[in-house]
C-alpha atoms as a PDB file:
ATOM      1  CA  MET A   1     113.876 126.545  89.152  1.00  0.00           C
ATOM      2  CA  GLU A   2     111.812 123.442  89.944  1.00  0.00           C
ATOM      3  CA  GLU A   3     111.537 122.498  86.267  1.00  0.00           C
ATOM      4  CA  ARG A   4     115.310 122.751  85.704  1.00  0.00           C
ATOM      5  CA  ARG A   5     116.124 120.756  88.808  1.00  0.00           C
ATOM      6  CA  LEU A   6     113.590 118.014  88.097  1.00  0.00           C
ATOM      7  CA  SER A   7     114.592 117.694  84.448  1.00  0.00           C
ATOM      8  CA  ALA A   8     117.928 116.278  85.670  1.00  0.00           C
ATOM      9  CA  ILE A   9     116.558 113.511  87.906  1.00  0.00           C
ATOM     10  CA  ALA A  10     115.630 110.845  85.330  1.00  0.00           C
ATOM     11  CA  VAL A  11     119.108 109.509  84.482  1.00  0.00           C
ATOM     12  CA  PRO A  12     120.427 108.958  88.038  1.00  0.00           C
ATOM     13  CA  LEU A  13     117.004 107.837  89.262  1.00  0.00           C
ATOM     14  CA  LEU A  14     116.554 105.130  86.615  1.00  0.00           C
ATOM     15  CA  ALA A  15     120.121 103.873  87.030  1.00  0.00           C
ATOM     16  CA  TRP A  16     119.562 103.606  90.778  1.00  0.00           C
ATOM     17  CA  TYR A  17     116.270 101.772  90.244  1.00  0.00           C
ATOM     18  CA  ASP A  18     117.906  99.180  87.991  1.00  0.00           C
ATOM     19  CA  ARG A  19     120.380  98.354  90.772  1.00  0.00           C
ATOM     20  CA  ASN A  20     118.131  98.598  93.816  1.00  0.00           C
ATOM     21  CA  LYS A  21     114.488  97.823  92.985  1.00  0.00           C
ATOM     22  CA  ARG A  22     112.763  95.225  95.110  1.00  0.00           C
ATOM     23  CA  ASP A  23     111.803  91.957  93.445  1.00  0.00           C
ATOM     24  CA  LEU A  24     108.001  92.184  93.525  1.00  0.00           C
ATOM     25  CA  PRO A  25     105.619  89.946  91.544  1.00  0.00           C
ATOM     26  CA  TRP A  26     103.733  92.793  89.855  1.00  0.00           C
ATOM     27  CA  ARG A  27     107.018  94.073  88.434  1.00  0.00           C
ATOM     28  CA  HIS A  28     107.387  90.953  86.286  1.00  0.00           C
ATOM     29  CA  THR A  29     104.329  91.609  84.152  1.00  0.00           C
ATOM     30  CA  ARG A  30     102.747  94.116  81.790  1.00  0.00           C
ATOM     31  CA  ASP A  31      99.306  92.587  82.381  1.00  0.00           C
ATOM     32  CA  PRO A  32      97.136  95.609  83.256  1.00  0.00           C
ATOM     33  CA  TYR A  33      94.826  93.480  85.417  1.00  0.00           C
ATOM     34  CA  ARG A  34      97.661  92.322  87.659  1.00  0.00           C
ATOM     35  CA  ILE A  35      99.204  95.778  87.868  1.00  0.00           C
ATOM     36  CA  TRP A  36      95.815  97.323  88.668  1.00  0.00           C
ATOM     37  CA  VAL A  37      95.074  94.843  91.470  1.00  0.00           C
ATOM     38  CA  SER A  38      98.515  95.407  92.992  1.00  0.00           C
ATOM     39  CA  GLU A  39      98.072  99.174  92.956  1.00  0.00           C
ATOM     40  CA  ILE A  40      94.671  98.975  94.648  1.00  0.00           C
ATOM     41  CA  MET A  41      96.006  96.579  97.300  1.00  0.00           C
ATOM     42  CA  LEU A  42      98.986  98.834  97.984  1.00  0.00           C
ATOM     43  CA  GLN A  43      96.805 101.837  98.827  1.00  0.00           C
ATOM     44  CA  GLN A  44      97.229 102.515 102.561  1.00  0.00           C
ATOM     45  CA  THR A  45      98.955  99.128 102.947  1.00  0.00           C
ATOM     46  CA  ARG A  46     102.604  98.084 103.288  1.00  0.00           C
ATOM     47  CA  VAL A  47     104.231  95.951 100.587  1.00  0.00           C
ATOM     48  CA  ALA A  48     105.082  93.163 103.050  1.00  0.00           C
ATOM     49  CA  ALA A  49     101.436  92.898 104.075  1.00  0.00           C
ATOM     50  CA  VAL A  50     100.196  92.900 100.480  1.00  0.00           C
ATOM     51  CA  LEU A  51     102.451  90.138  99.112  1.00  0.00           C
ATOM     52  CA  PRO A  52     100.603  87.065 100.491  1.00  0.00           C
ATOM     53  CA  TYR A  53      97.227  88.580  99.638  1.00  0.00           C
ATOM     54  CA  TYR A  54      98.312  89.346  96.086  1.00  0.00           C
ATOM     55  CA  ARG A  55      99.543  85.791  95.505  1.00  0.00           C
ATOM     56  CA  GLN A  56      96.383  84.260  96.945  1.00  0.00           C
ATOM     57  CA  TRP A  57      94.207  86.629  94.920  1.00  0.00           C
ATOM     58  CA  MET A  58      95.945  85.817  91.648  1.00  0.00           C
ATOM     59  CA  GLU A  59      95.604  82.081  92.274  1.00  0.00           C
ATOM     60  CA  ALA A  60      91.883  82.474  92.924  1.00  0.00           C
ATOM     61  CA  LEU A  61      91.029  85.350  90.530  1.00  0.00           C
ATOM     62  CA  PRO A  62      93.644  85.518  87.752  1.00  0.00           C
ATOM     63  CA  THR A  63      91.514  87.549  85.322  1.00  0.00           C
ATOM     64  CA  ALA A  64      88.948  90.335  85.277  1.00  0.00           C
ATOM     65  CA  GLU A  65      86.378  87.731  84.207  1.00  0.00           C
ATOM     66  CA  ALA A  66      87.044  85.647  87.316  1.00  0.00           C
ATOM     67  CA  LEU A  67      86.826  88.724  89.543  1.00  0.00           C
ATOM     68  CA  ALA A  68      83.571  89.849  87.948  1.00  0.00           C
ATOM     69  CA  ALA A  69      81.966  86.456  88.609  1.00  0.00           C
ATOM     70  CA  VAL A  70      83.196  85.648  92.130  1.00  0.00           C
ATOM     71  CA  PRO A  71      80.511  85.606  94.879  1.00  0.00           C
ATOM     72  CA  GLU A  72      80.747  88.533  97.305  1.00  0.00           C
ATOM     73  CA  GLU A  73      81.385  86.301 100.338  1.00  0.00           C
ATOM     74  CA  ARG A  74      84.408  84.753  98.635  1.00  0.00           C
ATOM     75  CA  LEU A  75      85.591  88.197  97.489  1.00  0.00           C
ATOM     76  CA  MET A  76      85.463  89.543 101.025  1.00  0.00           C
ATOM     77  CA  LYS A  77      87.205  86.462 102.405  1.00  0.00           C
ATOM     78  CA  LEU A  78      90.089  86.925  99.965  1.00  0.00           C
ATOM     79  CA  TRP A  79      90.382  90.539 101.130  1.00  0.00           C
ATOM     80  CA  GLN A  80      89.968  89.782 104.850  1.00  0.00           C
ATOM     81  CA  GLY A  81      92.674  91.538 106.852  1.00  0.00           C
ATOM     82  CA  LEU A  82      93.665  94.106 104.208  1.00  0.00           C
ATOM     83  CA  GLY A  83      91.156  96.666 105.432  1.00  0.00           C
ATOM     84  CA  TYR A  84      89.413  99.435 103.480  1.00  0.00           C
ATOM     85  CA  TYR A  85      87.006  96.850 102.082  1.00  0.00           C
ATOM     86  CA  SER A  86      85.442  99.288  99.637  1.00  0.00           C
ATOM     87  CA  ARG A  87      88.605  98.727  97.580  1.00  0.00           C
ATOM     88  CA  ALA A  88      87.614  95.099  96.975  1.00  0.00           C
ATOM     89  CA  ARG A  89      84.046  96.032  96.078  1.00  0.00           C
ATOM     90  CA  ASN A  90      85.250  98.678  93.644  1.00  0.00           C
ATOM     91  CA  LEU A  91      87.630  96.178  92.062  1.00  0.00           C
ATOM     92  CA  GLN A  92      84.683  93.902  91.353  1.00  0.00           C
ATOM     93  CA  LYS A  93      82.497  96.769  90.108  1.00  0.00           C
ATOM     94  CA  ALA A  94      85.260  97.801  87.715  1.00  0.00           C
ATOM     95  CA  ALA A  95      85.822  94.204  86.586  1.00  0.00           C
ATOM     96  CA  ARG A  96      82.129  93.936  85.749  1.00  0.00           C
ATOM     97  CA  VAL A  97      82.349  97.143  83.695  1.00  0.00           C
ATOM     98  CA  ILE A  98      85.311  95.669  81.807  1.00  0.00           C
ATOM     99  CA  VAL A  99      83.531  92.358  81.177  1.00  0.00           C
ATOM    100  CA  GLU A 100      79.963  93.507  80.599  1.00  0.00           C
ATOM    101  CA  GLU A 101      80.418  96.930  78.973  1.00  0.00           C
ATOM    102  CA  LEU A 102      83.869  96.780  77.377  1.00  0.00           C
ATOM    103  CA  GLY A 103      83.737  93.234  76.058  1.00  0.00           C
ATOM    104  CA  GLY A 104      86.535  92.039  78.326  1.00  0.00           C
ATOM    105  CA  VAL A 105      89.018  94.581  76.933  1.00  0.00           C
ATOM    106  CA  PHE A 106      90.986  96.375  79.632  1.00  0.00           C
ATOM    107  CA  PRO A 107      91.036 100.200  79.181  1.00  0.00           C
ATOM    108  CA  ASP A 108      94.431 101.173  77.789  1.00  0.00           C
ATOM    109  CA  THR A 109      94.564 104.945  78.312  1.00  0.00           C
ATOM    110  CA  TYR A 110      94.707 107.193  81.338  1.00  0.00           C
ATOM    111  CA  GLU A 111      91.389 108.854  80.548  1.00  0.00           C
ATOM    112  CA  ALA A 112      89.614 105.539  79.982  1.00  0.00           C
ATOM    113  CA  LEU A 113      91.009 104.073  83.196  1.00  0.00           C
ATOM    114  CA  LEU A 114      89.679 107.048  85.164  1.00  0.00           C
ATOM    115  CA  ARG A 115      86.163 106.007  84.200  1.00  0.00           C
ATOM    116  CA  LEU A 116      86.445 102.706  86.109  1.00  0.00           C
ATOM    117  CA  PRO A 117      84.894 102.597  89.608  1.00  0.00           C
ATOM    118  CA  GLY A 118      87.470 103.170  92.325  1.00  0.00           C
ATOM    119  CA  VAL A 119      90.219 104.360  89.953  1.00  0.00           C
ATOM    120  CA  GLY A 120      91.630 107.791  90.685  1.00  0.00           C
ATOM    121  CA  GLU A 121      94.411 109.837  89.134  1.00  0.00           C
ATOM    122  CA  TYR A 122      97.238 107.950  90.825  1.00  0.00           C
ATOM    123  CA  THR A 123      96.008 104.455  89.924  1.00  0.00           C
ATOM    124  CA  ALA A 124      95.141 105.472  86.371  1.00  0.00           C
ATOM    125  CA  GLY A 125      98.597 106.971  85.953  1.00  0.00           C
ATOM    126  CA  ALA A 126     100.336 103.913  87.357  1.00  0.00           C
ATOM    127  CA  VAL A 127      98.455 101.408  85.177  1.00  0.00           C
ATOM    128  CA  ALA A 128      98.579 103.546  82.034  1.00  0.00           C
ATOM    129  CA  SER A 129     102.322 104.144  82.319  1.00  0.00           C
ATOM    130  CA  ILE A 130     103.450 100.696  83.505  1.00  0.00           C
ATOM    131  CA  ALA A 131     101.143  98.490  81.442  1.00  0.00           C
ATOM    132  CA  PHE A 132     100.693 100.641  78.337  1.00  0.00           C
ATOM    133  CA  GLY A 133     103.674 103.003  78.269  1.00  0.00           C
ATOM    134  CA  GLU A 134     101.585 106.179  78.354  1.00  0.00           C
ATOM    135  CA  ALA A 135     103.647 109.154  79.545  1.00  0.00           C
ATOM    136  CA  VAL A 136     101.503 110.185  82.513  1.00  0.00           C
ATOM    137  CA  PRO A 137     102.657 110.655  86.117  1.00  0.00           C
ATOM    138  CA  ALA A 138     101.543 108.511  89.040  1.00  0.00           C
ATOM    139  CA  VAL A 139     101.665 110.855  92.016  1.00  0.00           C
ATOM    140  CA  ASP A 140     101.270 109.230  95.428  1.00  0.00           C
ATOM    141  CA  GLY A 141     102.529 110.268  98.860  1.00  0.00           C
ATOM    142  CA  ASN A 142     105.981 108.830  98.215  1.00  0.00           C
ATOM    143  CA  VAL A 143     106.344 110.809  94.996  1.00  0.00           C
ATOM    144  CA  LEU A 144     105.083 114.027  96.575  1.00  0.00           C
ATOM    145  CA  ARG A 145     107.688 113.680  99.314  1.00  0.00           C
ATOM    146  CA  VAL A 146     110.585 113.055  96.915  1.00  0.00           C
ATOM    147  CA  ILE A 147     109.672 115.975  94.666  1.00  0.00           C
ATOM    148  CA  ALA A 148     108.933 118.406  97.512  1.00  0.00           C
ATOM    149  CA  ARG A 149     112.371 117.732  98.968  1.00  0.00           C
ATOM    150  CA  THR A 150     114.268 117.648  95.699  1.00  0.00           C
ATOM    151  CA  ALA A 151     112.787 120.895  94.403  1.00  0.00           C
ATOM    152  CA  ASP A 152     112.263 122.574  97.811  1.00  0.00           C
ATOM    153  CA  ILE A 153     108.546 123.085  97.244  1.00  0.00           C
ATOM    154  CA  ARG A 154     107.055 124.584 100.399  1.00  0.00           C
ATOM    155  CA  GLU A 155     103.371 124.271  99.656  1.00  0.00           C
ATOM    156  CA  ASP A 156     100.732 122.126 101.333  1.00  0.00           C
ATOM    157  CA  ILE A 157     100.582 118.786  99.520  1.00  0.00           C
ATOM    158  CA  SER A 158      97.069 118.217 100.914  1.00  0.00           C
ATOM    159  CA  ASP A 159      95.844 120.970  98.589  1.00  0.00           C
ATOM    160  CA  ALA A 160      94.487 119.632  95.297  1.00  0.00           C
ATOM    161  CA  LYS A 161      95.896 122.605  93.391  1.00  0.00           C
ATOM    162  CA  VAL A 162      99.377 121.900  94.737  1.00  0.00           C
ATOM    163  CA  ARG A 163      99.117 118.258  93.737  1.00  0.00           C
ATOM    164  CA  ARG A 164      98.196 119.350  90.224  1.00  0.00           C
ATOM    165  CA  THR A 165     101.341 121.489  90.200  1.00  0.00           C
ATOM    166  CA  PHE A 166     103.445 118.472  91.129  1.00  0.00           C
ATOM    167  CA  ARG A 167     101.778 116.498  88.381  1.00  0.00           C
ATOM    168  CA  ALA A 168     102.573 119.158  85.787  1.00  0.00           C
ATOM    169  CA  LEU A 169     106.206 119.290  86.906  1.00  0.00           C
ATOM    170  CA  LEU A 170     106.538 115.523  86.569  1.00  0.00           C
ATOM    171  CA  GLU A 171     104.964 115.539  83.115  1.00  0.00           C
ATOM    172  CA  GLU A 172     107.843 117.784  82.034  1.00  0.00           C
ATOM    173  CA  ALA A 173     110.520 115.702  83.791  1.00  0.00           C
ATOM    174  CA  MET A 174     109.282 112.281  82.673  1.00  0.00           C
ATOM    175  CA  PRO A 175     111.266 110.422  79.978  1.00  0.00           C
ATOM    176  CA  ARG A 176     108.802 109.578  77.192  1.00  0.00           C
ATOM    177  CA  GLU A 177     110.440 106.239  76.420  1.00  0.00           C
ATOM    178  CA  GLU A 178     110.258 104.812  79.994  1.00  0.00           C
ATOM    179  CA  PRO A 179     107.349 106.447  81.840  1.00  0.00           C
ATOM    180  CA  GLY A 180     106.324 103.359  83.785  1.00  0.00           C
ATOM    181  CA  LYS A 181     109.846 102.708  84.986  1.00  0.00           C
ATOM    182  CA  PHE A 182     110.229 106.384  85.947  1.00  0.00           C
ATOM    183  CA  ASN A 183     107.021 106.308  88.022  1.00  0.00           C
ATOM    184  CA  GLN A 184     108.017 103.080  89.733  1.00  0.00           C
ATOM    185  CA  ALA A 185     111.497 104.419  90.468  1.00  0.00           C
ATOM    186  CA  LEU A 186     110.109 107.535  92.146  1.00  0.00           C
ATOM    187  CA  MET A 187     107.715 105.445  94.231  1.00  0.00           C
ATOM    188  CA  GLU A 188     110.506 103.037  95.170  1.00  0.00           C
ATOM    189  CA  LEU A 189     112.828 105.870  96.195  1.00  0.00           C
ATOM    190  CA  GLY A 190     110.135 107.392  98.393  1.00  0.00           C
ATOM    191  CA  ALA A 191     109.283 104.061  99.973  1.00  0.00           C
ATOM    192  CA  THR A 192     112.815 102.894 100.734  1.00  0.00           C
ATOM    193  CA  VAL A 193     115.223 105.881 100.896  1.00  0.00           C
ATOM    194  CA  CYS A 194     113.447 109.253 100.942  1.00  0.00           C
ATOM    195  CA  ALA A 195     111.092 107.843 103.523  1.00  0.00           C
ATOM    196  CA  PRO A 196     108.527 109.469 105.828  1.00  0.00           C
ATOM    197  CA  ASN A 197     108.571 109.657 109.625  1.00  0.00           C
ATOM    198  CA  GLY A 198     112.177 110.626 110.196  1.00  0.00           C
ATOM    199  CA  ALA A 199     115.311 111.617 108.357  1.00  0.00           C
ATOM    200  CA  PRO A 200     115.771 110.184 104.848  1.00  0.00           C
ATOM    201  CA  ASP A 201     118.847 108.104 104.030  1.00  0.00           C
ATOM    202  CA  CYS A 202     120.474 110.779 101.882  1.00  0.00           C
ATOM    203  CA  GLY A 203     123.745 108.846 101.695  1.00  0.00           C
ATOM    204  CA  ARG A 204     122.004 106.214  99.558  1.00  0.00           C
ATOM    205  CA  CYS A 205     119.921 108.609  97.479  1.00  0.00           C
ATOM    206  CA  PRO A 206     120.747 108.998  93.778  1.00  0.00           C
ATOM    207  CA  LEU A 207     119.260 112.505  93.862  1.00  0.00           C
ATOM    208  CA  SER A 208     121.174 113.815  96.881  1.00  0.00           C
ATOM    209  CA  GLY A 209     123.391 116.003  94.710  1.00  0.00           C
ATOM    210  CA  LEU A 210     120.330 117.574  93.059  1.00  0.00           C
ATOM    211  CA  CYS A 211     118.246 117.874  96.204  1.00  0.00           C
ATOM    212  CA  GLU A 212     117.638 121.360  97.570  1.00  0.00           C
ATOM    213  CA  ALA A 213     116.318 120.051 100.891  1.00  0.00           C
ATOM    214  CA  ASN A 214     119.531 118.066 101.341  1.00  0.00           C
ATOM    215  CA  ARG A 215     121.650 121.129 100.499  1.00  0.00           C
ATOM    216  CA  LEU A 216     119.723 123.289 102.951  1.00  0.00           C
ATOM    217  CA  GLY A 217     119.455 120.618 105.655  1.00  0.00           C
ATOM    218  CA  ILE A 218     115.641 120.809 105.795  1.00  0.00           C
ATOM    219  CA  GLN A 219     114.763 117.271 104.682  1.00  0.00           C
ATOM    220  CA  THR A 220     112.607 116.515 107.722  1.00  0.00           C
ATOM    221  CA  GLU A 221     110.664 119.761 107.287  1.00  0.00           C
ATOM    222  CA  LEU A 222     109.300 118.742 103.883  1.00  0.00           C
ATOM    223  CA  PRO A 223     106.813 118.056 102.528  1.00  0.00           C
ATOM    224  CA  LEU A 224     104.411 120.496 104.151  1.00  0.00           C
ATOM    225  CA  LYS A 225     101.049 118.988 104.971  1.00  0.00           C
ATOM    226  CA  SER A 226      98.134 120.360 106.948  1.00  0.00           C
ATOM    227  CA  LYS A 227      97.403 118.473 110.148  1.00  0.00           C
ATOM    228  CA  LYS A 228      94.480 116.094 110.178  1.00  0.00           C
ATOM    229  CA  ALA A 229      91.715 116.439 112.716  1.00  0.00           C
ATOM    230  CA  PRO A 230      92.305 114.087 115.659  1.00  0.00           C
ATOM    231  CA  ARG A 231      90.601 110.706 115.416  1.00  0.00           C
ATOM    232  CA  ARG A 232      87.506 110.314 117.525  1.00  0.00           C
ATOM    233  CA  VAL A 233      87.462 107.457 120.033  1.00  0.00           C
ATOM    234  CA  GLU A 234      84.537 105.045 120.236  1.00  0.00           C
ATOM    235  CA  GLU A 235      84.249 102.623 123.146  1.00  0.00           C
ATOM    236  CA  MET A 236      82.320  99.400 122.721  1.00  0.00           C
ATOM    237  CA  THR A 237      81.693  96.087 124.428  1.00  0.00           C
ATOM    238  CA  VAL A 238      82.152  93.022 122.218  1.00  0.00           C
ATOM    239  CA  TYR A 239      80.482  89.673 122.894  1.00  0.00           C
ATOM    240  CA  LEU A 240      82.155  86.390 121.970  1.00  0.00           C
ATOM    241  CA  LEU A 241      79.115  84.221 122.506  1.00  0.00           C
ATOM    242  CA  ARG A 242      79.631  80.452 122.423  1.00  0.00           C
ATOM    243  CA  ARG A 243      76.778  77.993 122.226  1.00  0.00           C
ATOM    244  CA  GLY A 244      78.062  74.432 121.984  1.00  0.00           C
ATOM    245  CA  ASP A 245      80.491  74.263 119.072  1.00  0.00           C
ATOM    246  CA  ALA A 246      79.374  77.547 117.475  1.00  0.00           C
ATOM    247  CA  VAL A 247      79.897  81.274 117.968  1.00  0.00           C
ATOM    248  CA  ALA A 248      77.486  84.153 117.314  1.00  0.00           C
ATOM    249  CA  LEU A 249      78.119  86.530 114.420  1.00  0.00           C
ATOM    250  CA  ARG A 250      76.000  89.144 112.741  1.00  0.00           C
ATOM    251  CA  ARG A 251      76.329  90.853 109.398  1.00  0.00           C
ATOM    252  CA  ARG A 252      76.857  94.601 109.205  1.00  0.00           C
ATOM    253  CA  GLY A 253      74.586  96.706 107.038  1.00  0.00           C
ATOM    254  CA  GLU A 254      75.321  97.498 103.393  1.00  0.00           C
ATOM    255  CA  ALA A 255      76.431 101.068 104.099  1.00  0.00           C
ATOM    256  CA  GLY A 256      79.072 102.674 106.266  1.00  0.00           C
ATOM    257  CA  LEU A 257      82.259 101.383 107.849  1.00  0.00           C
ATOM    258  CA  LEU A 258      82.977  97.674 107.144  1.00  0.00           C
ATOM    259  CA  ALA A 259      79.711  97.382 105.204  1.00  0.00           C
ATOM    260  CA  GLY A 260      78.469  93.851 104.608  1.00  0.00           C
ATOM    261  CA  LEU A 261      81.152  92.117 106.682  1.00  0.00           C
ATOM    262  CA  TRP A 262      80.650  89.763 109.615  1.00  0.00           C
ATOM    263  CA  GLU A 263      81.248  90.952 113.162  1.00  0.00           C
ATOM    264  CA  PHE A 264      80.903  89.813 116.737  1.00  0.00           C
ATOM    265  CA  PRO A 265      77.860  91.359 118.424  1.00  0.00           C
ATOM    266  CA  HIS A 266      78.677  94.537 120.309  1.00  0.00           C
ATOM    267  CA  VAL A 267      77.076  97.507 122.042  1.00  0.00           C
ATOM    268  CA  PRO A 268      78.326 101.051 122.715  1.00  0.00           C
ATOM    269  CA  GLY A 269      80.326 101.761 125.863  1.00  0.00           C
ATOM    270  CA  ALA A 270      82.877  99.943 128.014  1.00  0.00           C
ATOM    271  CA  LEU A 271      80.539  97.846 130.162  1.00  0.00           C
ATOM    272  CA  GLY A 272      81.266  95.933 133.315  1.00  0.00           C
ATOM    273  CA  GLU A 273      80.004  92.390 133.648  1.00  0.00           C
ATOM    274  CA  ALA A 274      76.690  93.346 135.251  1.00  0.00           C
ATOM    275  CA  ALA A 275      75.802  95.941 132.607  1.00  0.00           C
ATOM    276  CA  ALA A 276      77.057  93.624 129.862  1.00  0.00           C
ATOM    277  CA  GLY A 277      74.608  91.001 131.137  1.00  0.00           C
ATOM    278  CA  ASP A 278      71.702  93.382 130.570  1.00  0.00           C
ATOM    279  CA  ALA A 279      72.479  93.494 126.841  1.00  0.00           C
ATOM    280  CA  LEU A 280      72.490  89.687 126.748  1.00  0.00           C
ATOM    281  CA  ALA A 281      69.053  89.612 128.327  1.00  0.00           C
ATOM    282  CA  SER A 282      67.750  92.103 125.767  1.00  0.00           C
ATOM    283  CA  TRP A 283      68.880  89.677 123.054  1.00  0.00           C
ATOM    284  CA  GLY A 284      67.018  86.779 124.728  1.00  0.00           C
ATOM    285  CA  LEU A 285      70.242  85.067 125.847  1.00  0.00           C
ATOM    286  CA  THR A 286      71.324  83.766 129.254  1.00  0.00           C
ATOM    287  CA  ALA A 287      74.966  83.614 130.330  1.00  0.00           C
ATOM    288  CA  LEU A 288      76.114  80.216 131.609  1.00  0.00           C
ATOM    289  CA  ASP A 289      79.798  80.994 132.115  1.00  0.00           C
ATOM    290  CA  TRP A 290      81.754  84.244 131.829  1.00  0.00           C
ATOM    291  CA  GLU A 291      85.057  82.744 130.712  1.00  0.00           C
ATOM    292  CA  LYS A 292      87.361  85.647 129.902  1.00  0.00           C
ATOM    293  CA  LYS A 293      87.616  89.419 129.561  1.00  0.00           C
ATOM    294  CA  ILE A 294      89.767  90.686 126.648  1.00  0.00           C
ATOM    295  CA  SER A 295      90.628  94.291 125.787  1.00  0.00           C
ATOM    296  CA  ALA A 296      91.595  95.332 122.246  1.00  0.00           C
ATOM    297  CA  LYS A 297      92.040  98.454 120.155  1.00  0.00           C
ATOM    298  CA  HIS A 298      91.802  99.089 116.423  1.00  0.00           C
ATOM    299  CA  VAL A 299      92.751 102.307 114.632  1.00  0.00           C
ATOM    300  CA  PHE A 300      90.959 103.388 111.461  1.00  0.00           C
ATOM    301  CA  THR A 301      91.766 106.545 109.507  1.00  0.00           C
ATOM    302  CA  HIS A 302      89.278 108.742 111.336  1.00  0.00           C
ATOM    303  CA  VAL A 303      88.217 106.711 114.374  1.00  0.00           C
ATOM    304  CA  GLU A 304      89.674 104.442 117.062  1.00  0.00           C
ATOM    305  CA  TRP A 305      87.735 101.550 118.520  1.00  0.00           C
ATOM    306  CA  HIS A 306      88.560 100.835 122.155  1.00  0.00           C
ATOM    307  CA  MET A 307      86.958  97.469 122.858  1.00  0.00           C
ATOM    308  CA  THR A 308      86.104  95.530 125.995  1.00  0.00           C
ATOM    309  CA  GLY A 309      85.376  91.933 125.085  1.00  0.00           C
ATOM    310  CA  TYR A 310      83.772  89.052 126.946  1.00  0.00           C
ATOM    311  CA  LEU A 311      84.129  85.388 126.025  1.00  0.00           C
ATOM    312  CA  LEU A 312      81.194  83.486 127.462  1.00  0.00           C
ATOM    313  CA  THR A 313      78.940  80.509 126.935  1.00  0.00           C
ATOM    314  CA  VAL A 314      75.219  81.170 126.574  1.00  0.00           C
ATOM    315  CA  ARG A 315      71.886  79.567 125.875  1.00  0.00           C
ATOM    316  CA  GLY A 316      68.932  80.971 124.006  1.00  0.00           C
ATOM    317  CA  GLU A 317      68.104  82.375 120.574  1.00  0.00           C
ATOM    318  CA  CYS A 318      68.498  85.782 118.974  1.00  0.00           C
ATOM    319  CA  PRO A 319      66.921  86.288 115.523  1.00  0.00           C
ATOM    320  CA  GLY A 320      69.688  88.626 114.319  1.00  0.00           C
ATOM    321  CA  PHE A 321      72.584  86.254 115.002  1.00  0.00           C
ATOM    322  CA  THR A 322      74.182  83.557 112.864  1.00  0.00           C
ATOM    323  CA  TRP A 323      75.804  80.702 114.783  1.00  0.00           C
ATOM    324  CA  ALA A 324      78.970  79.574 113.001  1.00  0.00           C
ATOM    325  CA  ASP A 325      80.977  76.470 113.861  1.00  0.00           C
ATOM    326  CA  ARG A 326      84.745  76.301 113.396  1.00  0.00           C
ATOM    327  CA  GLU A 327      84.533  75.327 109.713  1.00  0.00           C
ATOM    328  CA  ALA A 328      81.888  77.918 108.848  1.00  0.00           C
ATOM    329  CA  LEU A 329      83.849  80.618 110.664  1.00  0.00           C
ATOM    330  CA  GLU A 330      86.692  80.247 108.167  1.00  0.00           C
ATOM    331  CA  THR A 331      84.375  80.963 105.224  1.00  0.00           C
ATOM    332  CA  LEU A 332      83.092  84.286 106.584  1.00  0.00           C
ATOM    333  CA  ALA A 333      84.915  87.613 106.227  1.00  0.00           C
ATOM    334  CA  VAL A 334      85.533  89.038 109.701  1.00  0.00           C
ATOM    335  CA  PRO A 335      87.403  92.383 109.495  1.00  0.00           C
ATOM    336  CA  ALA A 336      90.826  92.930 111.042  1.00  0.00           C
ATOM    337  CA  ALA A 337      89.259  95.228 113.635  1.00  0.00           C
ATOM    338  CA  PHE A 338      88.121  92.046 115.397  1.00  0.00           C
ATOM    339  CA  ALA A 339      91.333  90.050 114.802  1.00  0.00           C
ATOM    340  CA  ARG A 340      92.162  89.722 118.516  1.00  0.00           C
ATOM    341  CA  TYR A 341      88.700  88.357 119.206  1.00  0.00           C
ATOM    342  CA  LEU A 342      88.688  86.082 116.190  1.00  0.00           C
ATOM    343  CA  GLU A 343      91.811  84.347 117.497  1.00  0.00           C
ATOM    344  CA  GLU A 344      90.227  83.901 120.943  1.00  0.00           C
ATOM    345  CA  VAL A 345      87.136  82.358 119.386  1.00  0.00           C
ATOM    346  CA  ARG A 346      89.197  80.019 117.203  1.00  0.00           C
ATOM    347  CA  ARG A 347      91.083  78.777 120.252  1.00  0.00           C
ATOM    348  CA  ALA A 348      87.870  78.330 122.224  1.00  0.00           C
ATOM    349  CA  LEU A 349      86.192  76.343 119.444  1.00  0.00           C
ATOM    350  CA  ASP A 350      89.313  74.232 118.954  1.00  0.00           C
ATOM    351  CA  ARG A 351      89.237  73.379 122.667  1.00  0.00           C
ATOM    352  CA  GLU A 352      85.564  72.493 122.362  1.00  0.00           C
ATOM    353  CA  GLU A 353      86.320  70.076 119.512  1.00  0.00           C
ATOM    354  CA  ASN A 354      89.169  68.456 121.440  1.00  0.00           C
ATOM    355  CA  ASP A 355      87.296  67.990 124.728  1.00  0.00           C
END
């Protein structure tokens, strides 16, 4: 039943895509490098957020050779704000494989692409089909949702076996002459019409007449997906320490969350001013002026940071801190988790310069 229903989707889907696809820069190229970078950036990230990063990246690193050679600090700065920083590191690892082991030749098959660091089944399928015309599916969350609804598949899409079933179904349904366009059309439909978090816009869907979920009125019930464990909450106290025209930063370790990035010093717990002062003393610093208290929150996939921040001027030295002035601050990659505090520090240093 699923095979017969899905075999009919290509013609209306591709016609709809020709009329309705968004004008995105990575859709104007067959360059596998540019398509690959766009696909990695788009993981867990909205198109609108990716666009300025993609343009800046391509101006700075237009080739795999440029990416392989760029210093890590510059790499992280180009990625700053996109989150999931391991994506950027894996991009560079893969670029170095392409340059150093493959002689600068980009892998041109699905199986070869899978051997690159950070490239999974979805990304390999997207690049292989769009850049090289290989008839392989690219199955992401948008595609799973469209197919589950169209074919009324009531199995848990979190299950790897179920995802393999979807992949096999799409291999049968895919037109061999336009596999890249077919994959992009499915992704576009899932992103813009057959969307998550609410009822899809079935009146605009080219597959509404073929869709079992639409016929049965169960669109919002599909796809089925097991519930994730609730995110744990971590409370911390963040210190925005000013000393003259500079602010204290420290570099995170090379493993774990936000590895290798720059952060404002912090300690566990939501501390009041008195307890927060004890941590300062342990660092060998003395508070001169507690200027401002700022609360912020950042949500990661598996954890939430609930932050209590203090902006204050200090004196003293701490061996683990780097003191960055306004210019130096803009060269260091500070993750989006600290965005609220980064803006406060920028304003404070700008005031310092203008006084």
